């Protein structure tokens, strides 16, 4: 490495794969459609909790966007 340069992690790896659709719930959670990961995840900014809501085992394949109804 050249003098004066150093290496290190600036930003860790993402838990998201091709996220292309997001919605914020009334409770302020962020739901994310991940087309390359074949899953839908949610993230709570208040708790920092990240979870997979549905994936390929649940029939999810390349989700492109999200929509919620009144229920």
PDB file of N, CA and C in Angstrom:
ATOM      1  N   UNK A   1       0.852  -1.172   0.000  1.00  0.00           N
ATOM      2  CA  UNK A   1       0.000   0.000   0.000  1.00  0.00           C
ATOM      3  C   UNK A   1       0.901   1.239   0.000  1.00  0.00           C
ATOM      4  N   UNK A   2       0.455   2.266  -0.673  1.00  0.00           N
ATOM      5  CA  UNK A   2       1.234   3.495  -0.791  1.00  0.00           C
ATOM      6  C   UNK A   2       1.335   4.205   0.557  1.00  0.00           C
ATOM      7  N   UNK A   3       2.436   4.889   0.810  1.00  0.00           N
ATOM      8  CA  UNK A   3       2.586   5.629   2.066  1.00  0.00           C
ATOM      9  C   UNK A   3       1.447   6.636   2.258  1.00  0.00           C
ATOM     10  N   UNK A   4       0.939   6.718   3.470  1.00  0.00           N
ATOM     11  CA  UNK A   4      -0.143   7.649   3.776  1.00  0.00           C
ATOM     12  C   UNK A   4      -1.537   7.093   3.529  1.00  0.00           C
ATOM     13  N   UNK A   5      -1.629   5.934   2.926  1.00  0.00           N
ATOM     14  CA  UNK A   5      -2.917   5.302   2.658  1.00  0.00           C
ATOM     15  C   UNK A   5      -3.155   4.191   3.664  1.00  0.00           C
ATOM     16  N   UNK A   6      -4.405   3.936   3.966  1.00  0.00           N
ATOM     17  CA  UNK A   6      -4.761   2.811   4.818  1.00  0.00           C
ATOM     18  C   UNK A   6      -6.092   2.244   4.338  1.00  0.00           C
ATOM     19  N   UNK A   7      -6.350   1.015   4.714  1.00  0.00           N
ATOM     20  CA  UNK A   7      -7.614   0.421   4.307  1.00  0.00           C
ATOM     21  C   UNK A   7      -8.465   0.134   5.531  1.00  0.00           C
ATOM     22  N   UNK A   8      -9.743   0.002   5.308  1.00  0.00           N
ATOM     23  CA  UNK A   8     -10.689  -0.297   6.373  1.00  0.00           C
ATOM     24  C   UNK A   8     -12.098  -0.278   5.826  1.00  0.00           C
ATOM     25  N   UNK A   9     -13.004  -0.801   6.605  1.00  0.00           N
ATOM     26  CA  UNK A   9     -14.406  -0.846   6.200  1.00  0.00           C
ATOM     27  C   UNK A   9     -15.031   0.518   6.464  1.00  0.00           C
ATOM     28  N   UNK A  10     -15.592   1.113   5.420  1.00  0.00           N
ATOM     29  CA  UNK A  10     -16.286   2.393   5.554  1.00  0.00           C
ATOM     30  C   UNK A  10     -17.752   2.139   5.859  1.00  0.00           C
ATOM     31  N   UNK A  11     -18.336   1.235   5.107  1.00  0.00           N
ATOM     32  CA  UNK A  11     -19.729   0.847   5.291  1.00  0.00           C
ATOM     33  C   UNK A  11     -19.777  -0.676   5.204  1.00  0.00           C
ATOM     34  N   UNK A  12     -20.413  -1.303   6.188  1.00  0.00           N
ATOM     35  CA  UNK A  12     -20.517  -2.758   6.193  1.00  0.00           C
ATOM     36  C   UNK A  12     -21.423  -3.264   5.089  1.00  0.00           C
ATOM     37  N   UNK A  13     -21.414  -4.566   4.854  1.00  0.00           N
ATOM     38  CA  UNK A  13     -22.260  -5.134   3.803  1.00  0.00           C
ATOM     39  C   UNK A  13     -23.745  -4.923   4.096  1.00  0.00           C
ATOM     40  N   UNK A  14     -24.486  -4.720   3.054  1.00  0.00           N
ATOM     41  CA  UNK A  14     -25.916  -4.481   3.187  1.00  0.00           C
ATOM     42  C   UNK A  14     -26.671  -5.784   3.419  1.00  0.00           C
ATOM     43  N   UNK A  15     -27.753  -5.696   4.164  1.00  0.00           N
ATOM     44  CA  UNK A  15     -28.649  -6.840   4.366  1.00  0.00           C
ATOM     45  C   UNK A  15     -29.719  -6.886   3.289  1.00  0.00           C
ATOM     46  N   UNK A  16     -29.673  -5.928   2.370  1.00  0.00           N
ATOM     47  CA  UNK A  16     -30.696  -5.822   1.337  1.00  0.00           C
ATOM     48  C   UNK A  16     -30.145  -6.278  -0.006  1.00  0.00           C
ATOM     49  N   UNK A  17     -30.999  -6.934  -0.799  1.00  0.00           N
ATOM     50  CA  UNK A  17     -30.608  -7.442  -2.104  1.00  0.00           C
ATOM     51  C   UNK A  17     -31.541  -6.885  -3.164  1.00  0.00           C
ATOM     52  N   UNK A  18     -31.102  -5.871  -3.870  1.00  0.00           N
ATOM     53  CA  UNK A  18     -31.918  -5.316  -4.943  1.00  0.00           C
ATOM     54  C   UNK A  18     -33.196  -4.685  -4.450  1.00  0.00           C
ATOM     55  N   UNK A  19     -33.099  -3.888  -3.390  1.00  0.00           N
ATOM     56  CA  UNK A  19     -34.312  -3.262  -2.852  1.00  0.00           C
ATOM     57  C   UNK A  19     -34.826  -2.218  -3.837  1.00  0.00           C
ATOM     58  N   UNK A  20     -36.065  -2.368  -4.239  1.00  0.00           N
ATOM     59  CA  UNK A  20     -36.627  -1.437  -5.209  1.00  0.00           C
ATOM     60  C   UNK A  20     -38.052  -1.013  -4.878  1.00  0.00           C
ATOM     61  N   UNK A  21     -38.539  -1.364  -3.732  1.00  0.00           N
ATOM     62  CA  UNK A  21     -39.857  -0.914  -3.312  1.00  0.00           C
ATOM     63  C   UNK A  21     -39.887  -0.784  -1.805  1.00  0.00           C
ATOM     64  N   UNK A  22     -40.303   0.362  -1.305  1.00  0.00           N
ATOM     65  CA  UNK A  22     -40.361   0.584   0.146  1.00  0.00           C
ATOM     66  C   UNK A  22     -41.663   1.271   0.509  1.00  0.00           C
ATOM     67  N   UNK A  23     -42.174   0.924   1.672  1.00  0.00           N
ATOM     68  CA  UNK A  23     -43.363   1.567   2.236  1.00  0.00           C
ATOM     69  C   UNK A  23     -43.141   1.745   3.724  1.00  0.00           C
ATOM     70  N   UNK A  24     -43.688   2.818   4.269  1.00  0.00           N
ATOM     71  CA  UNK A  24     -43.628   3.072   5.709  1.00  0.00           C
ATOM     72  C   UNK A  24     -45.009   2.788   6.275  1.00  0.00           C
ATOM     73  N   UNK A  25     -45.071   1.954   7.312  1.00  0.00           N
ATOM     74  CA  UNK A  25     -46.342   1.596   7.935  1.00  0.00           C
ATOM     75  C   UNK A  25     -46.801   2.716   8.870  1.00  0.00           C
ATOM     76  N   UNK A  26     -48.064   2.702   9.288  1.00  0.00           N
ATOM     77  CA  UNK A  26     -48.519   3.699  10.257  1.00  0.00           C
ATOM     78  C   UNK A  26     -47.708   3.668  11.557  1.00  0.00           C
ATOM     79  N   UNK A  27     -47.129   2.513  11.895  1.00  0.00           N
ATOM     80  CA  UNK A  27     -46.293   2.399  13.093  1.00  0.00           C
ATOM     81  C   UNK A  27     -44.856   2.832  12.866  1.00  0.00           C
ATOM     82  N   UNK A  28     -44.549   3.349  11.675  1.00  0.00           N
ATOM     83  CA  UNK A  28     -43.238   3.895  11.292  1.00  0.00           C
ATOM     84  C   UNK A  28     -42.207   2.832  10.926  1.00  0.00           C
ATOM     85  N   UNK A  29     -42.625   1.546  10.790  1.00  0.00           N
ATOM     86  CA  UNK A  29     -41.691   0.539  10.297  1.00  0.00           C
ATOM     87  C   UNK A  29     -41.547   0.701   8.787  1.00  0.00           C
ATOM     88  N   UNK A  30     -40.376   0.355   8.271  1.00  0.00           N
ATOM     89  CA  UNK A  30     -40.120   0.425   6.837  1.00  0.00           C
ATOM     90  C   UNK A  30     -40.137  -1.000   6.285  1.00  0.00           C
ATOM     91  N   UNK A  31     -40.998  -1.256   5.320  1.00  0.00           N
ATOM     92  CA  UNK A  31     -41.055  -2.562   4.661  1.00  0.00           C
ATOM     93  C   UNK A  31     -40.355  -2.423   3.316  1.00  0.00           C
ATOM     94  N   UNK A  32     -39.553  -3.435   2.960  1.00  0.00           N
ATOM     95  CA  UNK A  32     -38.696  -3.352   1.788  1.00  0.00           C
ATOM     96  C   UNK A  32     -38.891  -4.578   0.901  1.00  0.00           C
ATOM     97  N   UNK A  33     -39.223  -4.367  -0.377  1.00  0.00           N
ATOM     98  CA  UNK A  33     -39.288  -5.446  -1.363  1.00  0.00           C
ATOM     99  C   UNK A  33     -37.894  -5.594  -1.965  1.00  0.00           C
ATOM    100  N   UNK A  34     -37.376  -6.819  -1.951  1.00  0.00           N
ATOM    101  CA  UNK A  34     -36.029  -7.071  -2.463  1.00  0.00           C
ATOM    102  C   UNK A  34     -36.103  -8.046  -3.628  1.00  0.00           C
ATOM    103  N   UNK A  35     -36.076  -7.509  -4.828  1.00  0.00           N
ATOM    104  CA  UNK A  35     -36.266  -8.336  -6.016  1.00  0.00           C
ATOM    105  C   UNK A  35     -35.158  -9.361  -6.199  1.00  0.00           C
ATOM    106  N   UNK A  36     -33.922  -9.022  -5.912  1.00  0.00           N
ATOM    107  CA  UNK A  36     -32.827  -9.974  -6.097  1.00  0.00           C
ATOM    108  C   UNK A  36     -32.729 -10.970  -4.945  1.00  0.00           C
ATOM    109  N   UNK A  37     -33.281 -10.627  -3.796  1.00  0.00           N
ATOM    110  CA  UNK A  37     -33.241 -11.523  -2.653  1.00  0.00           C
ATOM    111  C   UNK A  37     -34.480 -12.372  -2.487  1.00  0.00           C
ATOM    112  N   UNK A  38     -35.457 -12.176  -3.375  1.00  0.00           N
ATOM    113  CA  UNK A  38     -36.730 -12.906  -3.302  1.00  0.00           C
ATOM    114  C   UNK A  38     -37.322 -12.863  -1.904  1.00  0.00           C
ATOM    115  N   UNK A  39     -37.371 -11.641  -1.338  1.00  0.00           N
ATOM    116  CA  UNK A  39     -37.940 -11.532   0.002  1.00  0.00           C
ATOM    117  C   UNK A  39     -38.467 -10.129   0.269  1.00  0.00           C
ATOM    118  N   UNK A  40     -39.282 -10.068   1.313  1.00  0.00           N
ATOM    119  CA  UNK A  40     -39.796  -8.804   1.825  1.00  0.00           C
ATOM    120  C   UNK A  40     -39.350  -8.717   3.273  1.00  0.00           C
ATOM    121  N   UNK A  41     -38.732  -7.612   3.618  1.00  0.00           N
ATOM    122  CA  UNK A  41     -38.198  -7.422   4.965  1.00  0.00           C
ATOM    123  C   UNK A  41     -38.821  -6.193   5.600  1.00  0.00           C
ATOM    124  N   UNK A  42     -38.659  -6.104   6.910  1.00  0.00           N
ATOM    125  CA  UNK A  42     -39.091  -4.889   7.605  1.00  0.00           C
ATOM    126  C   UNK A  42     -37.969  -4.434   8.527  1.00  0.00           C
ATOM    127  N   UNK A  43     -37.931  -3.140   8.733  1.00  0.00           N
ATOM    128  CA  UNK A  43     -36.931  -2.528   9.606  1.00  0.00           C
ATOM    129  C   UNK A  43     -37.628  -1.511  10.485  1.00  0.00           C
ATOM    130  N   UNK A  44     -37.359  -1.569  11.777  1.00  0.00           N
ATOM    131  CA  UNK A  44     -37.921  -0.618  12.727  1.00  0.00           C
ATOM    132  C   UNK A  44     -36.845   0.396  13.100  1.00  0.00           C
ATOM    133  N   UNK A  45     -37.013   1.661  12.715  1.00  0.00           N
ATOM    134  CA  UNK A  45     -36.006   2.659  13.066  1.00  0.00           C
ATOM    135  C   UNK A  45     -35.936   2.937  14.568  1.00  0.00           C
ATOM    136  N   UNK A  46     -37.006   2.665  15.300  1.00  0.00           N
ATOM    137  CA  UNK A  46     -36.973   2.930  16.744  1.00  0.00           C
ATOM    138  C   UNK A  46     -36.205   1.846  17.497  1.00  0.00           C
ATOM    139  N   UNK A  47     -36.381   0.587  17.097  1.00  0.00           N
ATOM    140  CA  UNK A  47     -35.683  -0.499  17.795  1.00  0.00           C
ATOM    141  C   UNK A  47     -34.425  -0.959  17.061  1.00  0.00           C
ATOM    142  N   UNK A  48     -34.347  -0.645  15.760  1.00  0.00           N
ATOM    143  CA  UNK A  48     -33.236  -1.113  14.956  1.00  0.00           C
ATOM    144  C   UNK A  48     -33.401  -2.546  14.484  1.00  0.00           C
ATOM    145  N   UNK A  49     -34.542  -3.157  14.797  1.00  0.00           N
ATOM    146  CA  UNK A  49     -34.788  -4.560  14.434  1.00  0.00           C
ATOM    147  C   UNK A  49     -35.030  -4.708  12.935  1.00  0.00           C
ATOM    148  N   UNK A  50     -34.325  -5.653  12.334  1.00  0.00           N
ATOM    149  CA  UNK A  50     -34.471  -5.985  10.927  1.00  0.00           C
ATOM    150  C   UNK A  50     -34.928  -7.434  10.848  1.00  0.00           C
ATOM    151  N   UNK A  51     -36.002  -7.709  10.089  1.00  0.00           N
ATOM    152  CA  UNK A  51     -36.477  -9.091   9.988  1.00  0.00           C
ATOM    153  C   UNK A  51     -36.994  -9.372   8.591  1.00  0.00           C
ATOM    154  N   UNK A  52     -36.915 -10.620   8.211  1.00  0.00           N
ATOM    155  CA  UNK A  52     -37.485 -11.071   6.944  1.00  0.00           C
ATOM    156  C   UNK A  52     -38.936 -11.434   7.205  1.00  0.00           C
ATOM    157  N   UNK A  53     -39.847 -10.773   6.514  1.00  0.00           N
ATOM    158  CA  UNK A  53     -41.283 -10.989   6.697  1.00  0.00           C
ATOM    159  C   UNK A  53     -41.758 -12.165   5.850  1.00  0.00           C
ATOM    160  N   UNK A  54     -41.302 -12.242   4.614  1.00  0.00           N
ATOM    161  CA  UNK A  54     -41.684 -13.325   3.707  1.00  0.00           C
ATOM    162  C   UNK A  54     -40.556 -13.542   2.710  1.00  0.00           C
ATOM    163  N   UNK A  55     -40.378 -14.797   2.299  1.00  0.00           N
ATOM    164  CA  UNK A  55     -39.314 -15.122   1.367  1.00  0.00           C
ATOM    165  C   UNK A  55     -39.745 -16.141   0.338  1.00  0.00           C
ATOM    166  N   UNK A  56     -38.757 -16.701  -0.343  1.00  0.00           N
ATOM    167  CA  UNK A  56     -39.054 -17.652  -1.416  1.00  0.00           C
ATOM    168  C   UNK A  56     -39.815 -18.872  -0.899  1.00  0.00           C
ATOM    169  N   UNK A  57     -39.576 -19.274   0.348  1.00  0.00           N
ATOM    170  CA  UNK A  57     -40.324 -20.410   0.916  1.00  0.00           C
ATOM    171  C   UNK A  57     -41.814 -20.095   1.063  1.00  0.00           C
ATOM    172  N   UNK A  58     -42.129 -18.783   1.094  1.00  0.00           N
ATOM    173  CA  UNK A  58     -43.522 -18.350   1.218  1.00  0.00           C
ATOM    174  C   UNK A  58     -44.142 -18.022  -0.142  1.00  0.00           C
ATOM    175  N   UNK A  59     -43.414 -18.297  -1.216  1.00  0.00           N
ATOM    176  CA  UNK A  59     -43.933 -18.023  -2.552  1.00  0.00           C
ATOM    177  C   UNK A  59     -43.521 -16.680  -3.118  1.00  0.00           C
ATOM    178  N   UNK A  60     -42.653 -15.960  -2.440  1.00  0.00           N
ATOM    179  CA  UNK A  60     -42.202 -14.661  -2.926  1.00  0.00           C
ATOM    180  C   UNK A  60     -41.113 -14.887  -3.976  1.00  0.00           C
ATOM    181  N   UNK A  61     -41.289 -14.269  -5.138  1.00  0.00           N
ATOM    182  CA  UNK A  61     -40.313 -14.392  -6.216  1.00  0.00           C
ATOM    183  C   UNK A  61     -40.158 -13.046  -6.907  1.00  0.00           C
ATOM    184  N   UNK A  62     -39.038 -12.395  -6.689  1.00  0.00           N
ATOM    185  CA  UNK A  62     -38.744 -11.125  -7.349  1.00  0.00           C
ATOM    186  C   UNK A  62     -39.736 -10.023  -7.056  1.00  0.00           C
ATOM    187  N   UNK A  63     -40.067  -9.765  -5.790  1.00  0.00           N
ATOM    188  CA  UNK A  63     -41.041  -8.703  -5.505  1.00  0.00           C
ATOM    189  C   UNK A  63     -40.542  -7.359  -6.009  1.00  0.00           C
ATOM    190  N   UNK A  64     -41.422  -6.620  -6.649  1.00  0.00           N
ATOM    191  CA  UNK A  64     -41.028  -5.373  -7.289  1.00  0.00           C
ATOM    192  C   UNK A  64     -41.482  -4.141  -6.523  1.00  0.00           C
ATOM    193  N   UNK A  65     -42.521  -4.250  -5.752  1.00  0.00           N
ATOM    194  CA  UNK A  65     -43.043  -3.091  -5.032  1.00  0.00           C
ATOM    195  C   UNK A  65     -43.957  -3.587  -3.917  1.00  0.00           C
ATOM    196  N   UNK A  66     -44.419  -2.670  -3.101  1.00  0.00           N
ATOM    197  CA  UNK A  66     -45.291  -3.004  -1.974  1.00  0.00           C
ATOM    198  C   UNK A  66     -46.527  -2.112  -1.972  1.00  0.00           C
ATOM    199  N   UNK A  67     -47.615  -2.652  -1.500  1.00  0.00           N
ATOM    200  CA  UNK A  67     -48.840  -1.894  -1.295  1.00  0.00           C
ATOM    201  C   UNK A  67     -49.551  -2.493  -0.096  1.00  0.00           C
ATOM    202  N   UNK A  68     -50.184  -1.658   0.691  1.00  0.00           N
ATOM    203  CA  UNK A  68     -50.933  -2.100   1.856  1.00  0.00           C
ATOM    204  C   UNK A  68     -52.388  -1.687   1.688  1.00  0.00           C
ATOM    205  N   UNK A  69     -53.292  -2.527   2.202  1.00  0.00           N
ATOM    206  CA  UNK A  69     -54.690  -2.145   2.212  1.00  0.00           C
ATOM    207  C   UNK A  69     -55.060  -1.714   3.632  1.00  0.00           C
ATOM    208  N   UNK A  70     -56.300  -1.426   3.872  1.00  0.00           N
ATOM    209  CA  UNK A  70     -56.713  -0.914   5.191  1.00  0.00           C
ATOM    210  C   UNK A  70     -56.603  -1.969   6.285  1.00  0.00           C
ATOM    211  N   UNK A  71     -56.547  -3.247   5.932  1.00  0.00           N
ATOM    212  CA  UNK A  71     -56.448  -4.301   6.940  1.00  0.00           C
ATOM    213  C   UNK A  71     -55.017  -4.434   7.403  1.00  0.00           C
TER     214      UNK A  71
END
